N, C-alpha and C. Protein backbone atom coordinates (compact mmCIF):
# COMPACT_ATOMS: atom_id res chain seq x y z
N UNK A 1 0.58 -1.28 0.39
CA UNK A 1 0.20 0.19 0.05
C UNK A 1 0.77 1.49 0.18
N UNK A 2 0.38 2.21 -0.69
CA UNK A 2 0.92 3.32 -0.78
C UNK A 2 1.46 3.85 0.79
N UNK A 3 0.22 3.84 1.40
CA UNK A 3 0.23 4.43 2.75
C UNK A 3 1.94 4.44 3.61
N UNK A 4 2.12 2.65 3.08
CA UNK A 4 3.09 1.99 3.72
C UNK A 4 4.42 2.45 3.67
N UNK A 5 4.16 2.63 2.11
CA UNK A 5 6.11 3.82 1.62
C UNK A 5 5.68 4.49 1.75
N UNK A 6 5.03 5.49 2.11
CA UNK A 6 4.64 7.30 3.04
C UNK A 6 6.94 7.51 3.10
N UNK A 7 6.91 6.86 4.10
CA UNK A 7 8.38 7.25 4.21
C UNK A 7 9.32 7.07 3.46
N UNK A 8 9.32 6.17 2.30
CA UNK A 8 10.49 6.12 1.28
C UNK A 8 9.74 6.94 0.47
N UNK A 9 8.90 7.03 -0.41
CA UNK A 9 7.99 7.95 -1.37
C UNK A 9 9.02 9.65 -1.02
N UNK A 10 8.68 9.94 0.77
CA UNK A 10 8.91 10.83 0.77
C UNK A 10 10.90 11.45 1.06
N UNK A 11 11.42 10.19 0.75
CA UNK A 11 12.55 10.16 0.73
C UNK A 11 13.24 10.92 -0.13
N UNK A 12 12.54 10.43 -1.24
CA UNK A 12 12.59 10.33 -2.80
C UNK A 12 12.88 11.97 -3.45
N UNK A 13 11.45 12.41 -2.93
CA UNK A 13 11.14 13.92 -3.49
C UNK A 13 11.28 14.88 -2.28
N UNK A 14 11.92 16.05 -3.14
CA UNK A 14 11.19 16.95 -1.47
C UNK A 14 9.69 17.56 -1.23
N UNK A 15 8.93 16.96 -2.07
CA UNK A 15 7.82 17.83 -1.25
C UNK A 15 7.61 17.58 0.59
N UNK A 16 6.76 18.20 0.91
CA UNK A 16 5.74 17.77 2.46
C UNK A 16 5.14 17.66 2.25
N UNK A 17 4.39 16.19 3.35
CA UNK A 17 3.65 15.47 2.95
C UNK A 17 2.92 16.58 4.56
N UNK A 18 1.62 16.43 4.45
CA UNK A 18 0.30 16.11 5.19
C UNK A 18 -0.87 15.28 4.79
N UNK A 19 -1.62 14.95 5.69
CA UNK A 19 -2.14 13.94 5.67
C UNK A 19 -3.48 13.61 6.86
N UNK A 20 -4.12 14.12 5.93
CA UNK A 20 -5.43 14.35 6.76
C UNK A 20 -5.82 12.87 7.12
N UNK A 21 -6.21 12.25 8.18
CA UNK A 21 -6.86 11.02 8.73
C UNK A 21 -7.74 10.71 8.24
N UNK A 22 -8.35 10.05 7.83
CA UNK A 22 -9.74 9.50 7.11
C UNK A 22 -10.68 9.38 8.62
N UNK A 23 -11.46 9.99 8.62
CA UNK A 23 -12.15 10.01 9.34
C UNK A 23 -12.61 8.26 9.89
N UNK A 24 -13.18 7.62 9.12
CA UNK A 24 -12.70 6.04 9.29
C UNK A 24 -11.52 5.17 9.67
N UNK A 25 -10.80 6.01 9.51
CA UNK A 25 -9.71 5.08 10.49
C UNK A 25 -9.40 5.83 11.56
N UNK A 26 -9.86 6.96 11.89
CA UNK A 26 -9.83 7.66 13.24
C UNK A 26 -10.95 6.82 14.63
N UNK A 27 -12.00 6.59 13.90
CA UNK A 27 -12.62 6.10 14.34
C UNK A 27 -12.99 4.00 14.33
N UNK A 28 -12.02 3.67 13.66
CA UNK A 28 -12.22 1.88 13.61
C UNK A 28 -10.54 1.69 14.30
N UNK A 29 -11.27 1.21 15.77
CA UNK A 29 -10.14 0.71 17.01
C UNK A 29 -8.83 -0.41 16.24
N UNK A 30 -9.75 -0.82 15.26
CA UNK A 30 -8.48 -1.71 14.55
C UNK A 30 -7.84 -1.00 13.54
N UNK A 31 -8.22 0.06 13.42
CA UNK A 31 -7.04 0.35 12.48
C UNK A 31 -5.89 1.19 12.86
N UNK A 32 -6.28 2.23 14.62
CA UNK A 32 -5.27 3.24 15.11
C UNK A 32 -4.33 2.53 15.00
N UNK A 33 -3.39 1.49 15.12
CA UNK A 33 -2.21 1.54 15.14
C UNK A 33 -1.59 1.54 13.99
N UNK A 34 -2.34 1.46 12.69
CA UNK A 34 -1.61 1.78 11.28
C UNK A 34 -1.91 3.45 11.01
N UNK A 35 -2.97 3.92 11.50
CA UNK A 35 -2.36 5.24 11.38
C UNK A 35 -2.05 6.30 12.51
N UNK A 36 -1.59 5.53 13.75
CA UNK A 36 -0.15 5.62 14.61
C UNK A 36 1.27 5.40 13.49
N UNK A 37 1.19 4.79 13.31
CA UNK A 37 2.35 4.60 12.06
C UNK A 37 2.42 5.69 10.90
N UNK A 38 1.56 5.57 10.53
CA UNK A 38 1.09 6.47 9.20
C UNK A 38 1.10 7.71 9.18
N UNK A 39 1.22 8.77 10.61
CA UNK A 39 1.32 9.39 11.63
C UNK A 39 2.89 9.82 11.30
N UNK A 40 3.87 9.48 11.46
CA UNK A 40 5.33 9.08 11.98
C UNK A 40 5.88 9.58 10.58
N UNK A 41 5.02 8.79 9.15
CA UNK A 41 5.64 8.69 8.41
C UNK A 41 5.65 10.38 7.51
N UNK A 42 4.33 11.04 8.06
CA UNK A 42 4.07 12.65 7.62
C UNK A 42 5.11 13.73 8.01
N UNK A 43 5.23 15.03 7.58
CA UNK A 43 6.17 15.56 8.08
C UNK A 43 5.10 16.17 9.03
N UNK A 44 3.41 16.40 8.51
CA UNK A 44 2.56 16.68 9.89
C UNK A 44 1.57 16.40 9.19
N UNK A 45 0.23 16.61 10.45
CA UNK A 45 -1.01 16.09 9.72
C UNK A 45 -2.35 16.86 10.36
N UNK A 46 -3.18 16.18 10.20
CA UNK A 46 -4.62 17.16 10.68
C UNK A 46 -5.63 16.04 11.15
N UNK A 47 -6.12 16.46 11.70
CA UNK A 47 -7.04 15.66 12.69
C UNK A 47 -8.09 16.54 13.04
N UNK A 48 -9.42 16.53 13.46
CA UNK A 48 -10.53 16.82 14.30
C UNK A 48 -10.72 16.09 15.00
N UNK A 49 -11.54 17.33 15.92
CA UNK A 49 -11.86 16.84 17.79
C UNK A 49 -12.65 15.32 17.97
N UNK A 50 -13.61 15.37 17.39
CA UNK A 50 -13.99 13.87 17.48
C UNK A 50 -13.20 12.27 16.78
N UNK A 51 -12.83 12.73 15.11
CA UNK A 51 -11.55 11.93 15.33
C UNK A 51 -10.12 11.17 16.34
N UNK A 52 -9.54 12.59 16.88
CA UNK A 52 -9.16 12.34 18.02
C UNK A 52 -9.74 11.60 19.40
N UNK A 53 -10.54 12.54 19.89
CA UNK A 53 -11.08 11.69 20.89
C UNK A 53 -11.54 10.04 20.49
N UNK A 54 -11.60 9.55 20.03
CA UNK A 54 -11.64 8.24 18.87
C UNK A 54 -10.42 7.10 19.19
N UNK A 55 -9.63 7.97 18.14
CA UNK A 55 -8.08 7.77 17.80
C UNK A 55 -7.54 7.33 19.45
N UNK A 56 -8.19 7.84 20.51
CA UNK A 56 -6.73 8.07 21.85
C UNK A 56 -7.73 7.78 22.63
N UNK A 57 -8.70 7.60 22.13
CA UNK A 57 -9.89 7.24 23.15
C UNK A 57 -10.08 8.06 25.00
N UNK A 58 -10.11 9.02 24.46
CA UNK A 58 -10.45 10.07 25.32
C UNK A 58 -11.80 11.04 25.40
N UNK A 59 -12.05 12.53 26.19
CA UNK A 59 -12.97 12.53 26.34
C UNK A 59 -12.99 13.67 26.24
N UNK A 60 -11.83 14.87 26.26
CA UNK A 60 -11.77 15.93 25.71
C UNK A 60 -11.09 16.52 25.11
N UNK A 61 -10.84 18.27 25.34
CA UNK A 61 -10.25 18.29 23.74
C UNK A 61 -8.96 18.47 24.89
N UNK A 62 -8.68 18.90 25.87
CA UNK A 62 -7.40 19.08 26.39
C UNK A 62 -6.53 17.46 26.58
N UNK A 63 -7.28 16.74 26.50
CA UNK A 63 -7.00 15.22 26.38
C UNK A 63 -6.26 14.99 25.43
N UNK A 64 -7.04 15.40 24.30
CA UNK A 64 -6.85 14.64 22.92
C UNK A 64 -5.62 15.67 22.41
N UNK A 65 -5.29 17.17 22.78
CA UNK A 65 -4.34 17.58 22.99
C UNK A 65 -3.69 17.24 24.00
N UNK A 66 -3.26 17.03 24.68
CA UNK A 66 -1.78 16.26 25.33
C UNK A 66 -2.05 14.72 24.65
N UNK A 67 -2.42 14.29 24.11
CA UNK A 67 -2.04 12.94 23.54
C UNK A 67 -1.35 13.41 21.93
N UNK A 68 -1.90 14.07 21.06
CA UNK A 68 -1.30 14.79 19.99
C UNK A 68 -0.33 15.11 20.21
N UNK A 69 0.06 16.44 21.35
CA UNK A 69 1.63 16.49 21.33
C UNK A 69 2.51 15.94 21.73
N UNK A 70 2.43 14.24 22.38
CA UNK A 70 3.19 13.36 22.45
C UNK A 70 4.14 12.82 21.25
N UNK A 71 3.12 12.61 20.10
CA UNK A 71 3.35 12.46 18.55
C UNK A 71 4.61 13.35 18.34
N UNK A 72 4.78 14.69 18.65
CA UNK A 72 6.12 14.78 18.74
C UNK A 72 6.13 15.51 17.01
N UNK A 73 5.02 15.03 16.81
CA UNK A 73 5.06 15.77 14.48
C UNK A 73 3.64 16.66 14.55
N UNK A 74 4.40 17.96 13.62
CA UNK A 74 3.09 18.70 13.79
C UNK A 74 1.99 18.69 12.92
N UNK A 75 0.68 19.44 14.12
CA UNK A 75 -0.78 18.88 13.62
C UNK A 75 -1.79 20.16 13.55
N UNK A 76 -2.12 19.51 12.84
CA UNK A 76 -3.15 21.33 12.40
C UNK A 76 -4.68 20.43 12.95
N UNK A 77 -4.68 20.77 14.51
CA UNK A 77 -6.11 19.64 14.91
C UNK A 77 -7.33 20.78 14.64
N UNK A 78 -8.62 20.46 14.20
CA UNK A 78 -9.99 21.26 14.07
C UNK A 78 -10.71 21.12 14.91
N UNK A 79 -11.62 22.11 16.00
CA UNK A 79 -12.36 21.45 16.66
C UNK A 79 -13.61 22.62 16.12
N UNK A 80 -13.98 22.43 15.12
CA UNK A 80 -15.30 22.93 14.45
C UNK A 80 -15.21 23.78 14.64
N UNK A 81 -16.71 24.84 14.96
CA UNK A 81 -17.27 25.87 14.76
C UNK A 81 -16.11 26.65 15.99
N UNK A 82 -15.71 25.65 16.94
CA UNK A 82 -14.54 27.00 18.10
C UNK A 82 -13.76 27.36 17.64
N UNK A 83 -13.04 27.01 16.12
CA UNK A 83 -11.89 27.60 15.56
C UNK A 83 -10.33 26.37 15.94
N UNK A 84 -9.62 25.70 15.47
CA UNK A 84 -8.51 25.34 15.85
C UNK A 84 -7.54 25.89 16.09
N UNK A 85 -6.25 24.75 16.05
CA UNK A 85 -4.47 25.08 16.88
C UNK A 85 -3.92 24.00 15.74
N UNK A 86 -2.81 24.97 16.14
CA UNK A 86 -1.55 24.56 15.07
C UNK A 86 -1.01 24.09 16.38
N UNK A 87 -0.49 22.47 16.81
CA UNK A 87 -0.11 21.54 17.44
C UNK A 87 1.54 21.85 17.13
N UNK A 88 2.92 22.25 17.59
CA UNK A 88 4.10 22.57 17.02
C UNK A 88 4.83 22.45 17.98
N UNK A 89 5.77 21.73 18.34
CA UNK A 89 7.37 21.47 19.29
C UNK A 89 6.89 22.09 21.02
N UNK A 90 6.23 21.39 20.88
CA UNK A 90 5.27 20.76 22.38
C UNK A 90 4.42 22.18 23.28
N UNK A 91 3.60 22.78 21.83
CA UNK A 91 2.74 23.99 22.13
C UNK A 91 1.74 24.36 21.37
N UNK A 92 0.42 24.75 21.94
CA UNK A 92 -0.44 24.19 20.77
C UNK A 92 -1.03 25.53 20.79
N UNK A 93 -1.32 26.48 20.32
CA UNK A 93 -1.49 27.42 19.31
C UNK A 93 -2.84 27.70 19.03
N UNK A 94 -3.87 28.54 19.44
CA UNK A 94 -5.07 28.31 19.47
C UNK A 94 -6.02 29.67 18.62
N UNK A 95 -6.52 29.35 17.10
CA UNK A 95 -6.82 30.77 16.58
C UNK A 95 -8.74 30.42 16.70
N UNK A 96 -9.39 31.35 17.31
CA UNK A 96 -10.56 31.33 17.22
C UNK A 96 -11.38 31.17 16.12
N UNK A 97 -12.79 30.76 15.26
CA UNK A 97 -13.17 31.02 14.19
C UNK A 97 -13.47 32.15 13.81
N UNK A 98 -13.62 32.20 12.25
CA UNK A 98 -14.04 33.64 11.87
C UNK A 98 -15.41 33.64 11.13
N UNK A 99 -15.27 34.69 10.77
CA UNK A 99 -17.10 34.81 10.13
C UNK A 99 -16.91 35.77 8.68
N UNK A 100 -17.25 35.70 7.92
CA UNK A 100 -16.94 36.42 7.01
C UNK A 100 -17.91 36.55 5.78
N UNK A 101 -19.35 35.93 6.27
CA UNK A 101 -20.43 36.54 5.84
C UNK A 101 -21.61 35.51 6.33
N UNK A 102 -22.75 35.45 5.73
CA UNK A 102 -23.64 34.86 6.13
C UNK A 102 -23.26 32.87 5.82
N UNK A 103 -23.00 32.00 6.83
CA UNK A 103 -23.14 30.16 6.79
C UNK A 103 -23.79 29.44 5.69
N UNK A 104 -23.42 29.05 4.33
CA UNK A 104 -24.32 28.33 2.69
C UNK A 104 -24.27 26.74 3.14
N UNK A 105 -22.73 26.88 3.65
CA UNK A 105 -22.61 25.02 3.85
C UNK A 105 -21.49 24.42 4.10
N UNK A 106 -21.28 23.62 5.24
CA UNK A 106 -20.01 23.88 5.83
C UNK A 106 -18.68 23.01 5.15
N UNK A 107 -19.63 22.21 3.95
CA UNK A 107 -19.40 20.72 3.12
C UNK A 107 -17.54 21.12 2.82
N UNK A 108 -16.54 20.67 3.49
CA UNK A 108 -15.30 20.71 2.63
C UNK A 108 -14.49 22.15 3.18
N UNK A 109 -15.15 21.97 4.58
CA UNK A 109 -14.03 23.39 5.79
C UNK A 109 -13.01 23.05 6.28
N UNK A 110 -12.73 21.43 6.66
CA UNK A 110 -11.57 20.97 7.14
C UNK A 110 -10.64 20.84 6.12
N UNK A 111 -10.88 19.81 4.62
CA UNK A 111 -10.43 20.11 3.01
C UNK A 111 -9.67 21.44 3.13
N UNK A 112 -9.94 22.65 2.89
CA UNK A 112 -9.92 23.39 2.72
C UNK A 112 -8.96 23.72 3.81
N UNK A 113 -9.05 24.34 5.36
CA UNK A 113 -8.81 24.52 5.78
C UNK A 113 -7.29 23.56 6.58
N UNK A 114 -7.52 22.21 5.69
CA UNK A 114 -6.33 21.94 6.02
C UNK A 114 -5.08 22.22 4.70
N UNK A 115 -5.42 22.18 3.63
CA UNK A 115 -4.72 23.13 2.76
C UNK A 115 -4.09 24.28 2.65
N UNK A 116 -4.60 25.09 4.17
CA UNK A 116 -4.54 26.66 3.78
C UNK A 116 -3.23 26.63 5.28
N UNK A 117 -3.62 25.49 6.11
CA UNK A 117 -2.70 25.08 7.58
C UNK A 117 -0.84 24.50 6.61
N UNK A 118 -1.02 23.69 5.64
CA UNK A 118 -0.07 23.16 4.52
C UNK A 118 0.80 24.45 4.42
N UNK A 119 -0.36 25.35 3.65
CA UNK A 119 0.98 26.90 2.83
C UNK A 119 1.21 27.36 4.11
N UNK A 120 0.98 27.26 4.94
CA UNK A 120 1.43 28.44 5.74
C UNK A 120 2.28 27.55 6.72
N UNK A 121 2.39 26.38 6.91
CA UNK A 121 3.56 25.93 7.84
C UNK A 121 4.95 25.67 6.52
N UNK A 122 4.43 25.10 5.47
CA UNK A 122 5.43 25.64 4.23
C UNK A 122 6.25 26.33 4.36
N UNK A 123 5.48 27.65 4.23
CA UNK A 123 5.99 29.39 4.34
C UNK A 123 6.69 29.58 5.36
N UNK A 124 6.80 28.59 6.57
CA UNK A 124 7.55 29.12 7.85
C UNK A 124 6.36 29.94 8.12
N UNK A 125 4.97 30.16 8.70
CA UNK A 125 4.26 30.86 8.96
C UNK A 125 4.51 30.50 11.00
N UNK A 126 4.53 31.58 11.45
CA UNK A 126 4.58 31.04 13.60
C UNK A 126 3.20 30.01 13.63
N UNK A 127 2.49 29.30 14.35
CA UNK A 127 1.62 28.60 14.60
C UNK A 127 0.25 29.17 14.74
N UNK A 128 0.66 29.51 15.54
CA UNK A 128 -1.21 30.79 15.92
C UNK A 128 -1.94 31.28 14.36
N UNK A 129 -0.36 32.10 13.41
CA UNK A 129 -1.05 32.35 12.57
C UNK A 129 -0.99 31.32 11.03
N UNK A 130 -0.47 30.04 11.28
CA UNK A 130 -1.61 28.90 9.92
C UNK A 130 -2.40 28.56 11.27
N UNK A 131 -2.80 28.79 12.16
CA UNK A 131 -4.02 28.67 12.28
C UNK A 131 -5.19 29.03 11.86
N UNK A 132 -4.69 30.56 11.95
CA UNK A 132 -6.11 32.39 11.76
C UNK A 132 -5.85 31.46 10.52
N UNK A 133 -4.61 31.74 9.56
CA UNK A 133 -5.15 31.52 7.78
C UNK A 133 -5.95 29.95 7.58
N UNK A 134 -6.11 28.86 8.74
CA UNK A 134 -6.71 27.98 7.57
C UNK A 134 -8.18 28.28 8.27
N UNK A 135 -8.56 29.23 9.66
CA UNK A 135 -9.59 29.62 9.38
C UNK A 135 -10.21 30.32 9.10
N UNK A 136 -9.07 31.26 8.42
CA UNK A 136 -9.77 32.55 7.30
C UNK A 136 -10.29 31.71 5.49
N UNK A 137 -9.70 30.50 5.42
CA UNK A 137 -9.65 29.92 4.47
C UNK A 137 -11.18 29.42 4.51
N UNK A 138 -11.38 28.48 5.30
CA UNK A 138 -12.46 28.04 6.33
C UNK A 138 -13.97 28.78 5.97
N UNK A 139 -13.67 30.30 6.45
CA UNK A 139 -14.90 30.98 6.73
C UNK A 139 -15.33 31.20 5.16
N UNK A 140 -14.39 31.49 4.37
CA UNK A 140 -14.58 32.31 2.96
C UNK A 140 -15.40 30.76 2.22
N UNK A 141 -14.69 29.18 2.69
CA UNK A 141 -16.10 28.14 2.37
C UNK A 141 -17.12 27.83 2.31
N UNK A 142 -17.59 28.49 3.25
CA UNK A 142 -18.79 28.63 4.34
C UNK A 142 -19.94 28.84 3.12
N UNK A 143 -19.50 30.64 2.90
CA UNK A 143 -20.22 31.23 2.27
C UNK A 143 -21.34 31.07 0.82
N UNK A 144 -20.63 29.27 0.47
CA UNK A 144 -21.51 29.08 -1.07
C UNK A 144 -21.11 27.51 -1.11
N UNK A 145 -22.05 27.18 -1.40
CA UNK A 145 -22.43 25.03 -2.36
C UNK A 145 -20.77 25.80 -3.25
N UNK A 146 -20.04 24.11 -2.89
CA UNK A 146 -19.28 23.99 -4.35
C UNK A 146 -17.75 24.91 -3.36
N UNK A 147 -16.80 24.50 -3.80
CA UNK A 147 -15.10 25.76 -4.09
C UNK A 147 -15.67 27.05 -4.14
N UNK A 148 -15.91 27.27 -3.79
CA UNK A 148 -15.39 29.19 -4.18
C UNK A 148 -14.91 29.78 -5.60
N UNK A 149 -16.20 30.44 -6.30
CA UNK A 149 -15.69 30.37 -7.93
C UNK A 149 -15.07 31.54 -8.25
N UNK A 150 -14.42 32.79 -7.74
CA UNK A 150 -13.49 33.23 -7.86
C UNK A 150 -12.70 34.25 -6.70
N UNK A 151 -11.69 34.05 -6.88
CA UNK A 151 -10.53 34.61 -5.80
C UNK A 151 -10.27 35.52 -6.75
N UNK A 152 -10.61 37.30 -5.92
CA UNK A 152 -10.17 38.19 -6.64
C UNK A 152 -9.33 39.02 -5.90
N UNK A 153 -8.96 40.31 -6.45
CA UNK A 153 -7.72 41.23 -5.86
C UNK A 153 -9.03 41.29 -3.81
N UNK A 154 -9.80 42.17 -4.14
CA UNK A 154 -10.50 42.52 -3.26
C UNK A 154 -10.64 41.09 -1.96
N UNK A 155 -11.06 39.98 -2.31
CA UNK A 155 -11.29 39.27 -2.15
C UNK A 155 -10.08 38.63 -0.65
N UNK A 156 -8.14 38.58 -1.48
CA UNK A 156 -7.36 38.45 -0.99
C UNK A 156 -6.99 39.47 0.28
N UNK A 157 -7.27 40.51 -0.32
CA UNK A 157 -6.99 42.42 0.74
C UNK A 157 -7.65 41.39 1.34
N UNK A 158 -8.66 41.31 1.31
CA UNK A 158 -9.84 41.38 2.67
C UNK A 158 -9.11 40.08 3.55
N UNK A 159 -8.61 38.93 3.53
CA UNK A 159 -8.70 37.95 3.55
C UNK A 159 -7.07 38.31 4.40
N UNK A 160 -5.92 38.59 3.72
CA UNK A 160 -4.89 39.16 3.95
C UNK A 160 -5.27 40.30 5.49
N UNK A 161 -6.40 41.20 5.04
CA UNK A 161 -6.66 42.06 7.21
C UNK A 161 -6.93 41.19 8.16
N UNK A 162 -7.34 40.29 7.51
CA UNK A 162 -8.00 39.58 8.57
C UNK A 162 -7.02 38.88 9.17
N UNK A 163 -6.04 38.23 8.33
CA UNK A 163 -5.04 37.66 8.99
C UNK A 163 -3.88 38.42 9.56
N UNK A 164 -3.91 39.42 9.57
CA UNK A 164 -2.96 40.88 9.86
C UNK A 164 -3.64 41.11 11.68
N UNK A 165 -4.82 41.28 11.14
CA UNK A 165 -5.14 42.20 12.66
C UNK A 165 -6.32 41.03 12.98
N UNK A 166 -5.44 40.27 13.62
CA UNK A 166 -6.12 39.13 14.44
C UNK A 166 -6.81 39.89 15.95
């Protein structure tokens, strides 16, 4: 399987690999050992609160953060409408969710925020800025069904202002 060879793939290329853990893998106890092995083969990973609770058998956000930090691997940790954390170097940097307009559809917010977190991490942003960038991206995703039809200069300026003026 590709996931079993992920560390070999990383060694052959210069790309950074971020894994958004599939919900089905996090919820299935029979797959937990494989999930934990795969995390160690990535550069960073993304998981949400219900997935982390199931993966580690914990009940609270704080317990999940504690377990995620023990992995010593950068993690973008999504906690729903509350916001997100970037866990890195033994620290948990939290950024609250952002609103940019009326909520139309939440589908894909985890995917778009994870992609934005990868971008911020690769650009060397500090952890709180990574979480903030990801939340802003998710906020724009909420505005319509499907992908954003057009990202123009005005939208970019607004997103940059939100990022700079936390």
